[in-house]
């Protein structure tokens, strides 16, 4: 029997707030972080809205030297990990080789890559900074944390598109179960807002073009949804064995009960209409958790607000949960799509739901869609004491991730 794994620290940098408390308070209050893009000129772009991180001061978490060396996606992940480590009070210096890191990111430093090439092409720059390559590498977020904190255990970086965050948590669990570490920092970071990425996704008709009404542009499961909203941010969790956490007197926040990853094997960008991959993923997570569908009290859905994806995920949930479908919400209506970081920040929302007996709402949802006919907790948070929650993350390439967390019991 595998040892119980528990979560002892959390951290978040999101478009609706930096820090766990601010993120959660704004989430349950229905605050929307989507607005006009301020980081670059969008006048000639079809999509002019996104969910930018607004209240983040890197100096609160990172030295001036590191700030110059790190891309935004790395800074967001680092700051979230810093908060999680502080909350966990993990004794890194006492056992540096027994704690490791798994980082998740979908797009690495693509915005910096695009901006650097644009400066060279336009003649605004004649040389490329020696910091350029370290800034754009996905694994450098974990490496910078390792160097700064003295972490010497296993270090891996995953890139499984929008399921990267959930998959990072699953991989961390497998590393611990293999005996390679007693604890893992699970971190995710994303900051891919740039004209190149926006333009590509707009051409693919994946993004909402509701530029005149950004607060209502992301409408998961709504009949009038017209695409997702790009977001950015970071998330982090500290995962460790129950034995280790209890031996050091850690405050245990939740148990990681189950996890799974499957592949549709169907299409590069479109989910399988049969939903077989997502169904298999949720079922496997439940099997690993040794739980029945009726024990899940809340599902944080992938729910990106795309015409195609939302009904397919709805079908998958129906196929798995049958007559025991719990309330479902998508927090992307508030945060936008945080891609590699979202799989972690959405698990955090599940943990906070367990702790506070409050289910976060689906912001932007107004008009029911016959193809999406579940209880999506529209508009306003709901009081509900739950024992366990599931978080789904689905990515390009047919990547599926399901995570189950539950209240910790000795």
Protein backbone atom coordinates (compact mmCIF):
# COMPACT_ATOMS: atom_id res chain seq x y z
CA UNK A 1 0.00 0.00 0.00
CA UNK A 2 1.39 3.38 -1.04
CA UNK A 3 2.03 5.91 1.69
CA UNK A 4 -0.43 8.76 2.03
CA UNK A 5 0.71 12.01 0.42
CA UNK A 6 -0.25 15.37 1.88
CA UNK A 7 -0.05 19.03 0.93
CA UNK A 8 1.59 21.35 3.45
CA UNK A 9 2.08 24.61 1.54
CA UNK A 10 0.45 26.66 -1.22
CA UNK A 11 1.34 29.77 -3.21
CA UNK A 12 -0.33 31.74 -6.00
CA UNK A 13 0.28 34.64 -8.39
CA UNK A 14 -2.85 35.28 -10.46
CA UNK A 15 -4.68 37.98 -12.44
CA UNK A 16 -7.07 38.39 -9.49
CA UNK A 17 -4.41 38.66 -6.83
CA UNK A 18 -1.01 37.61 -5.55
CA UNK A 19 -0.92 35.40 -2.46
CA UNK A 20 -3.28 32.60 -1.51
CA UNK A 21 -5.61 34.71 0.64
CA UNK A 22 -6.06 37.47 -1.95
CA UNK A 23 -6.51 34.97 -4.78
CA UNK A 24 -9.14 32.99 -2.90
CA UNK A 25 -11.03 35.99 -1.50
CA UNK A 26 -11.35 37.55 -4.94
CA UNK A 27 -12.29 34.21 -6.50
CA UNK A 28 -15.25 33.65 -4.18
CA UNK A 29 -16.30 37.30 -4.47
CA UNK A 30 -16.59 36.95 -8.23
CA UNK A 31 -13.81 39.37 -9.13
CA UNK A 32 -12.81 39.13 -12.80
CA UNK A 33 -9.17 39.76 -13.79
CA UNK A 34 -9.81 40.07 -17.53
CA UNK A 35 -9.33 43.47 -19.14
CA UNK A 36 -7.72 45.32 -22.05
CA UNK A 37 -4.08 44.33 -22.62
CA UNK A 38 -1.68 46.97 -21.29
CA UNK A 39 1.69 45.31 -21.94
CA UNK A 40 1.89 46.05 -25.68
CA UNK A 41 -0.03 47.84 -28.43
CA UNK A 42 -3.03 45.77 -29.56
CA UNK A 43 -4.51 48.28 -32.02
CA UNK A 44 -3.96 46.03 -35.04
CA UNK A 45 -4.80 42.76 -33.29
CA UNK A 46 -8.10 40.91 -33.53
CA UNK A 47 -7.90 40.00 -29.83
CA UNK A 48 -7.13 42.88 -27.47
CA UNK A 49 -8.04 41.43 -24.07
CA UNK A 50 -6.37 39.08 -21.61
CA UNK A 51 -5.97 38.39 -17.90
CA UNK A 52 -2.72 40.09 -16.91
CA UNK A 53 -1.13 39.86 -13.45
CA UNK A 54 -1.54 43.35 -11.99
CA UNK A 55 -0.44 43.54 -8.35
CA UNK A 56 2.81 41.57 -8.53
CA UNK A 57 5.98 43.18 -7.16
CA UNK A 58 8.90 40.80 -7.79
CA UNK A 59 11.04 42.65 -5.22
CA UNK A 60 8.82 41.14 -2.51
CA UNK A 61 10.13 37.66 -3.40
CA UNK A 62 13.21 37.91 -5.59
CA UNK A 63 16.56 39.70 -5.36
CA UNK A 64 17.26 42.52 -7.86
CA UNK A 65 19.92 40.36 -9.53
CA UNK A 66 17.52 37.47 -10.04
CA UNK A 67 14.79 39.77 -11.35
CA UNK A 68 17.12 40.82 -14.17
CA UNK A 69 17.91 37.19 -14.94
CA UNK A 70 14.38 35.75 -14.88
CA UNK A 71 11.53 35.87 -17.37
CA UNK A 72 8.09 36.72 -16.01
CA UNK A 73 6.88 33.10 -16.14
CA UNK A 74 9.88 32.14 -13.99
CA UNK A 75 9.27 35.02 -11.57
CA UNK A 76 5.62 34.05 -11.10
CA UNK A 77 6.51 30.40 -10.43
CA UNK A 78 9.37 31.38 -8.09
CA UNK A 79 7.19 33.77 -6.06
CA UNK A 80 4.43 31.17 -5.71
CA UNK A 81 6.98 28.57 -4.59
CA UNK A 82 8.45 31.02 -2.11
CA UNK A 83 5.02 31.53 -0.53
CA UNK A 84 4.35 27.78 -0.45
CA UNK A 85 7.70 27.01 1.17
CA UNK A 86 7.15 29.70 3.79
CA UNK A 87 3.71 28.35 4.63
CA UNK A 88 5.04 24.80 4.79
CA UNK A 89 8.09 25.68 6.95
CA UNK A 90 9.95 22.83 5.27
CA UNK A 91 13.47 22.40 6.79
CA UNK A 92 15.39 22.55 3.50
CA UNK A 93 18.79 23.12 5.13
CA UNK A 94 18.42 20.00 7.27
CA UNK A 95 17.71 17.66 4.36
CA UNK A 96 18.39 19.41 1.02
CA UNK A 97 18.73 16.19 -0.98
CA UNK A 98 15.36 14.84 0.18
CA UNK A 99 13.28 17.64 -1.33
CA UNK A 100 12.98 18.11 -5.08
CA UNK A 101 11.12 20.19 -7.66
CA UNK A 102 8.75 19.56 -10.56
CA UNK A 103 7.97 22.58 -12.73
CA UNK A 104 5.12 22.82 -15.23
CA UNK A 105 4.90 25.31 -18.09
CA UNK A 106 3.24 25.24 -21.50
CA UNK A 107 4.95 28.06 -23.40
CA UNK A 108 8.26 28.68 -21.60
CA UNK A 109 9.68 32.12 -22.49
CA UNK A 110 7.91 32.59 -25.81
CA UNK A 111 7.01 36.25 -25.15
CA UNK A 112 10.65 37.13 -24.49
CA UNK A 113 11.70 35.18 -27.57
CA UNK A 114 9.24 37.10 -29.75
CA UNK A 115 10.15 40.50 -28.27
CA UNK A 116 13.90 39.87 -28.67
CA UNK A 117 13.53 38.87 -32.32
CA UNK A 118 11.33 41.89 -32.99
CA UNK A 119 13.97 44.24 -31.54
CA UNK A 120 16.67 42.68 -33.69
CA UNK A 121 14.57 42.78 -36.86
CA UNK A 122 13.55 46.40 -36.28
CA UNK A 123 17.12 47.44 -35.59
CA UNK A 124 16.34 48.50 -32.04
CA UNK A 125 19.02 46.15 -30.73
CA UNK A 126 22.30 44.99 -32.27
CA UNK A 127 23.21 42.41 -29.65
CA UNK A 128 21.35 39.71 -27.76
CA UNK A 129 21.67 39.69 -23.98
CA UNK A 130 23.62 36.78 -22.46
CA UNK A 131 20.59 36.38 -20.18
CA UNK A 132 18.33 35.58 -23.14
CA UNK A 133 18.70 31.78 -23.20
CA UNK A 134 18.39 31.29 -19.41
CA UNK A 135 15.29 33.50 -19.47
CA UNK A 136 13.44 31.44 -22.07
CA UNK A 137 14.30 27.92 -20.84
CA UNK A 138 11.42 26.24 -19.06
CA UNK A 139 13.59 24.44 -16.51
CA UNK A 140 15.32 27.61 -15.29
CA UNK A 141 12.41 28.44 -12.97
CA UNK A 142 13.14 25.25 -11.03
CA UNK A 143 16.88 25.79 -11.33
CA UNK A 144 16.70 29.32 -9.94
CA UNK A 145 14.60 28.11 -7.01
CA UNK A 146 17.04 25.27 -6.39
CA UNK A 147 20.00 27.67 -6.36
CA UNK A 148 18.28 30.27 -4.20
CA UNK A 149 16.89 27.84 -1.61
CA UNK A 150 19.58 25.15 -1.60
CA UNK A 151 17.30 22.37 -2.89
CA UNK A 152 19.34 19.41 -4.15
CA UNK A 153 16.79 16.64 -4.73
CA UNK A 154 15.32 15.55 -8.11
CA UNK A 155 14.40 18.38 -10.50
CA UNK A 156 12.20 17.96 -13.57
CA UNK A 157 10.28 20.31 -15.86
CA UNK A 158 7.15 19.15 -17.67
CA UNK A 159 5.59 20.59 -20.79
CA UNK A 160 2.25 18.93 -21.45
CA UNK A 161 0.45 22.04 -22.69
CA UNK A 162 -2.43 23.15 -20.48
CA UNK A 163 -2.30 20.03 -18.30
CA UNK A 164 1.31 20.77 -17.26
CA UNK A 165 0.42 21.94 -13.74
CA UNK A 166 -1.71 18.92 -12.89
CA UNK A 167 0.83 16.58 -14.46
CA UNK A 168 3.61 18.20 -12.42
CA UNK A 169 1.73 17.32 -9.24
CA UNK A 170 1.20 13.74 -10.45
CA UNK A 171 4.87 13.36 -11.36
CA UNK A 172 5.93 14.73 -7.97
CA UNK A 173 3.74 12.10 -6.31
CA UNK A 174 5.34 9.34 -8.38
CA UNK A 175 8.84 10.55 -7.49
CA UNK A 176 8.00 10.45 -3.78
CA UNK A 177 6.35 7.03 -4.09
CA UNK A 178 9.55 5.76 -5.78
CA UNK A 179 11.50 6.78 -2.68
CA UNK A 180 13.59 9.43 -4.44
CA UNK A 181 12.40 12.24 -2.15
CA UNK A 182 10.36 12.85 0.99
CA UNK A 183 8.90 16.10 -0.35
CA UNK A 184 8.55 17.98 -3.62
CA UNK A 185 7.97 21.59 -4.59
CA UNK A 186 5.39 21.52 -7.38
CA UNK A 187 5.41 24.78 -9.30
CA UNK A 188 3.90 26.18 -12.48
CA UNK A 189 4.43 29.41 -14.36
CA UNK A 190 3.11 31.05 -17.49
CA UNK A 191 3.50 34.41 -19.21
CA UNK A 192 3.03 33.97 -22.94
CA UNK A 193 1.12 37.16 -23.75
CA UNK A 194 2.57 38.53 -27.00
CA UNK A 195 1.24 39.40 -30.46
CA UNK A 196 2.63 36.21 -32.03
CA UNK A 197 0.79 33.83 -29.69
CA UNK A 198 -2.37 35.94 -29.60
CA UNK A 199 -2.40 36.12 -33.39
CA UNK A 200 -1.97 32.38 -33.84
CA UNK A 201 -4.69 31.45 -31.37
CA UNK A 202 -7.00 34.10 -32.83
CA UNK A 203 -6.49 32.67 -36.33
CA UNK A 204 -7.35 29.25 -34.93
CA UNK A 205 -10.61 30.79 -33.64
CA UNK A 206 -9.71 29.66 -30.12
CA UNK A 207 -9.91 33.08 -28.42
CA UNK A 208 -12.85 35.30 -27.53
CA UNK A 209 -13.02 38.51 -29.57
CA UNK A 210 -15.37 40.26 -27.19
CA UNK A 211 -12.94 43.17 -26.86
CA UNK A 212 -15.61 45.69 -25.88
CA UNK A 213 -16.78 43.72 -22.85
CA UNK A 214 -13.73 42.02 -21.33
CA UNK A 215 -15.36 41.24 -17.96
CA UNK A 216 -17.94 39.10 -19.75
CA UNK A 217 -15.69 37.72 -22.48
CA UNK A 218 -14.86 34.43 -20.75
CA UNK A 219 -18.14 32.56 -20.31
CA UNK A 220 -17.46 28.90 -19.50
CA UNK A 221 -20.37 26.59 -20.40
CA UNK A 222 -22.51 29.59 -21.45
CA UNK A 223 -24.54 29.40 -24.67
CA UNK A 224 -22.88 32.60 -25.95
CA UNK A 225 -19.27 31.61 -25.26
CA UNK A 226 -16.92 32.36 -28.16
CA UNK A 227 -13.45 31.28 -27.04
CA UNK A 228 -11.02 31.36 -24.16
CA UNK A 229 -9.05 34.24 -22.66
CA UNK A 230 -5.28 34.04 -22.25
CA UNK A 231 -4.06 34.52 -18.70
CA UNK A 232 -0.75 34.43 -16.87
CA UNK A 233 0.50 33.63 -13.40
CA UNK A 234 2.10 31.07 -11.15
CA UNK A 235 1.11 28.44 -8.63
CA UNK A 236 2.91 26.15 -6.20
CA UNK A 237 2.24 23.31 -3.76
CA UNK A 238 4.44 21.49 -1.27
CA UNK A 239 3.80 17.75 -1.39
CA UNK A 240 5.25 15.29 1.11
CA UNK A 241 4.64 11.96 2.77
CA UNK A 242 2.30 11.93 5.73
CA UNK A 243 5.02 10.33 7.86
CA UNK A 244 7.48 13.09 7.07
CA UNK A 245 4.95 15.89 7.54
CA UNK A 246 3.74 14.59 10.89
CA UNK A 247 7.27 13.92 12.15
CA UNK A 248 8.21 17.55 11.68
CA UNK A 249 4.87 18.87 13.02
CA UNK A 250 3.72 20.37 9.71
CA UNK A 251 0.27 21.86 9.30
CA UNK A 252 -1.37 19.49 6.82
CA UNK A 253 -3.78 21.30 4.47
CA UNK A 254 -5.17 18.38 2.44
CA UNK A 255 -4.43 14.92 1.14
CA UNK A 256 -3.55 14.19 -2.48
CA UNK A 257 -5.86 11.23 -2.95
CA UNK A 258 -5.65 10.51 -6.66
CA UNK A 259 -4.11 11.61 -9.94
CA UNK A 260 -4.07 10.47 -13.56
CA UNK A 261 -2.89 11.34 -17.04
CA UNK A 262 -4.24 10.02 -20.33
CA UNK A 263 -3.90 10.92 -24.01
CA UNK A 264 -6.77 11.19 -26.50
CA UNK A 265 -4.61 10.13 -29.43
CA UNK A 266 -7.08 11.99 -31.62
CA UNK A 267 -6.09 15.49 -32.83
CA UNK A 268 -3.51 18.22 -32.25
CA UNK A 269 -5.94 20.89 -31.03
CA UNK A 270 -9.40 19.33 -30.84
CA UNK A 271 -10.52 17.09 -27.97
CA UNK A 272 -11.98 13.72 -28.92
CA UNK A 273 -15.76 14.23 -29.37
CA UNK A 274 -16.36 10.88 -27.68
CA UNK A 275 -14.57 12.24 -24.57
CA UNK A 276 -13.00 8.80 -24.03
CA UNK A 277 -9.63 10.19 -22.96
CA UNK A 278 -11.07 12.57 -20.37
CA UNK A 279 -13.42 9.84 -19.09
CA UNK A 280 -10.54 7.39 -18.70
CA UNK A 281 -8.49 10.01 -16.87
CA UNK A 282 -11.16 10.82 -14.29
CA UNK A 283 -11.93 7.13 -13.77
CA UNK A 284 -8.25 6.33 -13.24
CA UNK A 285 -7.86 9.14 -10.69
CA UNK A 286 -10.89 7.80 -8.80
CA UNK A 287 -9.49 4.27 -8.96
CA UNK A 288 -6.14 5.36 -7.56
CA UNK A 289 -7.92 7.29 -4.81
CA UNK A 290 -10.08 4.22 -4.06
CA UNK A 291 -13.14 6.46 -4.21
CA UNK A 292 -16.57 6.29 -5.75
CA UNK A 293 -17.91 9.16 -7.92
CA UNK A 294 -20.51 10.00 -5.27
CA UNK A 295 -17.70 10.90 -2.82
CA UNK A 296 -16.58 13.88 -4.94
CA UNK A 297 -18.35 17.03 -3.72
CA UNK A 298 -17.05 19.51 -6.29
CA UNK A 299 -15.34 19.53 -9.68
CA UNK A 300 -13.12 22.38 -10.83
CA UNK A 301 -13.54 21.88 -14.56
CA UNK A 302 -11.09 22.73 -17.31
CA UNK A 303 -13.97 24.79 -18.74
CA UNK A 304 -12.12 27.19 -21.04
CA UNK A 305 -15.22 28.80 -22.64
CA UNK A 306 -14.67 27.31 -26.10
CA UNK A 307 -17.67 26.21 -28.21
CA UNK A 308 -16.19 22.75 -28.76
CA UNK A 309 -14.39 21.93 -25.51
CA UNK A 310 -17.03 22.78 -22.90
CA UNK A 311 -19.75 20.36 -24.14
CA UNK A 312 -17.20 17.57 -24.56
CA UNK A 313 -16.01 18.00 -20.97
CA UNK A 314 -19.65 18.12 -19.84
CA UNK A 315 -20.24 14.80 -21.61
CA UNK A 316 -17.15 13.30 -19.96
CA UNK A 317 -18.33 14.34 -16.49
CA UNK A 318 -21.76 12.82 -17.16
CA UNK A 319 -20.23 9.56 -18.35
CA UNK A 320 -18.07 9.25 -15.23
CA UNK A 321 -20.44 10.50 -12.53
CA UNK A 322 -23.79 9.30 -13.84
CA UNK A 323 -26.50 10.11 -11.32
CA UNK A 324 -23.99 11.48 -8.78
CA UNK A 325 -22.78 14.62 -10.58
CA UNK A 326 -21.55 17.19 -8.04
CA UNK A 327 -21.56 20.98 -8.56
CA UNK A 328 -19.06 22.04 -11.24
CA UNK A 329 -17.42 25.40 -11.85
CA UNK A 330 -14.71 26.86 -14.04
CA UNK A 331 -12.58 29.49 -12.33
CA UNK A 332 -11.22 30.58 -15.72
CA UNK A 333 -14.14 33.01 -15.94
CA UNK A 334 -12.26 34.97 -13.27
CA UNK A 335 -8.60 34.28 -14.03
CA UNK A 336 -8.52 33.53 -17.72
CA UNK A 337 -6.56 30.48 -18.87
CA UNK A 338 -3.30 30.25 -16.92
CA UNK A 339 -2.15 27.30 -19.02
CA UNK A 340 0.81 25.60 -17.27
CA UNK A 341 0.10 27.39 -13.99
CA UNK A 342 -3.67 26.80 -14.09
CA UNK A 343 -3.50 23.13 -13.20
CA UNK A 344 -1.95 24.15 -9.88
CA UNK A 345 -3.97 27.29 -9.06
CA UNK A 346 -7.16 25.32 -9.75
CA UNK A 347 -6.09 22.51 -7.39
CA UNK A 348 -5.50 25.26 -4.82
CA UNK A 349 -9.09 26.41 -5.38
CA UNK A 350 -10.21 22.85 -4.61
CA UNK A 351 -8.17 22.76 -1.40
CA UNK A 352 -9.61 26.10 -0.28
CA UNK A 353 -13.10 24.79 -1.06
CA UNK A 354 -12.41 21.86 1.28
CA UNK A 355 -11.11 24.17 4.01
CA UNK A 356 -13.79 26.85 3.82
CA UNK A 357 -16.88 24.88 2.77
CA UNK A 358 -17.24 27.36 -0.09
CA UNK A 359 -17.46 26.48 -3.79
CA UNK A 360 -16.13 29.15 -6.18
CA UNK A 361 -18.50 30.39 -8.90
CA UNK A 362 -18.30 30.32 -12.68
CA UNK A 363 -17.91 34.00 -13.53
CA UNK A 364 -19.47 35.13 -16.81
CA UNK A 365 -22.04 32.32 -16.97
CA UNK A 366 -25.51 33.69 -17.77
CA UNK A 367 -27.27 31.86 -20.59
CA UNK A 368 -27.79 28.09 -20.28
CA UNK A 369 -26.70 25.88 -23.17
CA UNK A 370 -28.66 22.64 -23.75
CA UNK A 371 -25.33 20.92 -24.53
CA UNK A 372 -23.90 22.07 -21.17
CA UNK A 373 -26.59 21.22 -18.65
CA UNK A 374 -24.83 20.70 -15.32
CA UNK A 375 -24.87 22.77 -12.13
CA UNK A 376 -22.10 25.26 -12.90
CA UNK A 377 -22.46 27.44 -9.76
CA UNK A 378 -23.33 30.51 -11.85
CA UNK A 379 -22.25 33.95 -10.74
CA UNK A 380 -22.08 33.53 -6.97
CA UNK A 381 -20.09 31.32 -4.60
CA UNK A 382 -21.99 28.62 -2.74
CA UNK A 383 -21.69 27.32 0.81
CA UNK A 384 -21.24 23.55 0.80
CA UNK A 385 -19.26 21.32 3.15
CA UNK A 386 -17.42 18.78 0.99
CA UNK A 387 -15.02 15.93 1.69
CA UNK A 388 -13.25 15.66 -1.67
CA UNK A 389 -12.83 17.62 -4.92
CA UNK A 390 -11.54 16.93 -8.42
CA UNK A 391 -9.63 19.28 -10.72
CA UNK A 392 -9.43 18.62 -14.47
CA UNK A 393 -6.94 20.10 -16.93
CA UNK A 394 -7.02 19.29 -20.63
CA UNK A 395 -4.39 20.37 -23.15
CA UNK A 396 -3.52 20.57 -26.83
CA UNK A 397 -2.38 17.24 -28.20
CA UNK A 398 -5.13 15.44 -26.29
CA UNK A 399 -3.47 15.72 -22.88
CA UNK A 400 -5.77 14.95 -19.94
CA UNK A 401 -5.02 15.46 -16.25
CA UNK A 402 -7.25 14.76 -13.25
CA UNK A 403 -6.32 15.46 -9.64
CA UNK A 404 -8.32 14.50 -6.53
CA UNK A 405 -7.74 16.16 -3.17
CA UNK A 406 -9.62 15.44 0.02
CA UNK A 407 -9.76 16.53 3.63
CA UNK A 408 -6.89 15.15 5.64
CA UNK A 409 -7.73 12.58 8.30
CA UNK A 410 -5.10 10.99 10.52
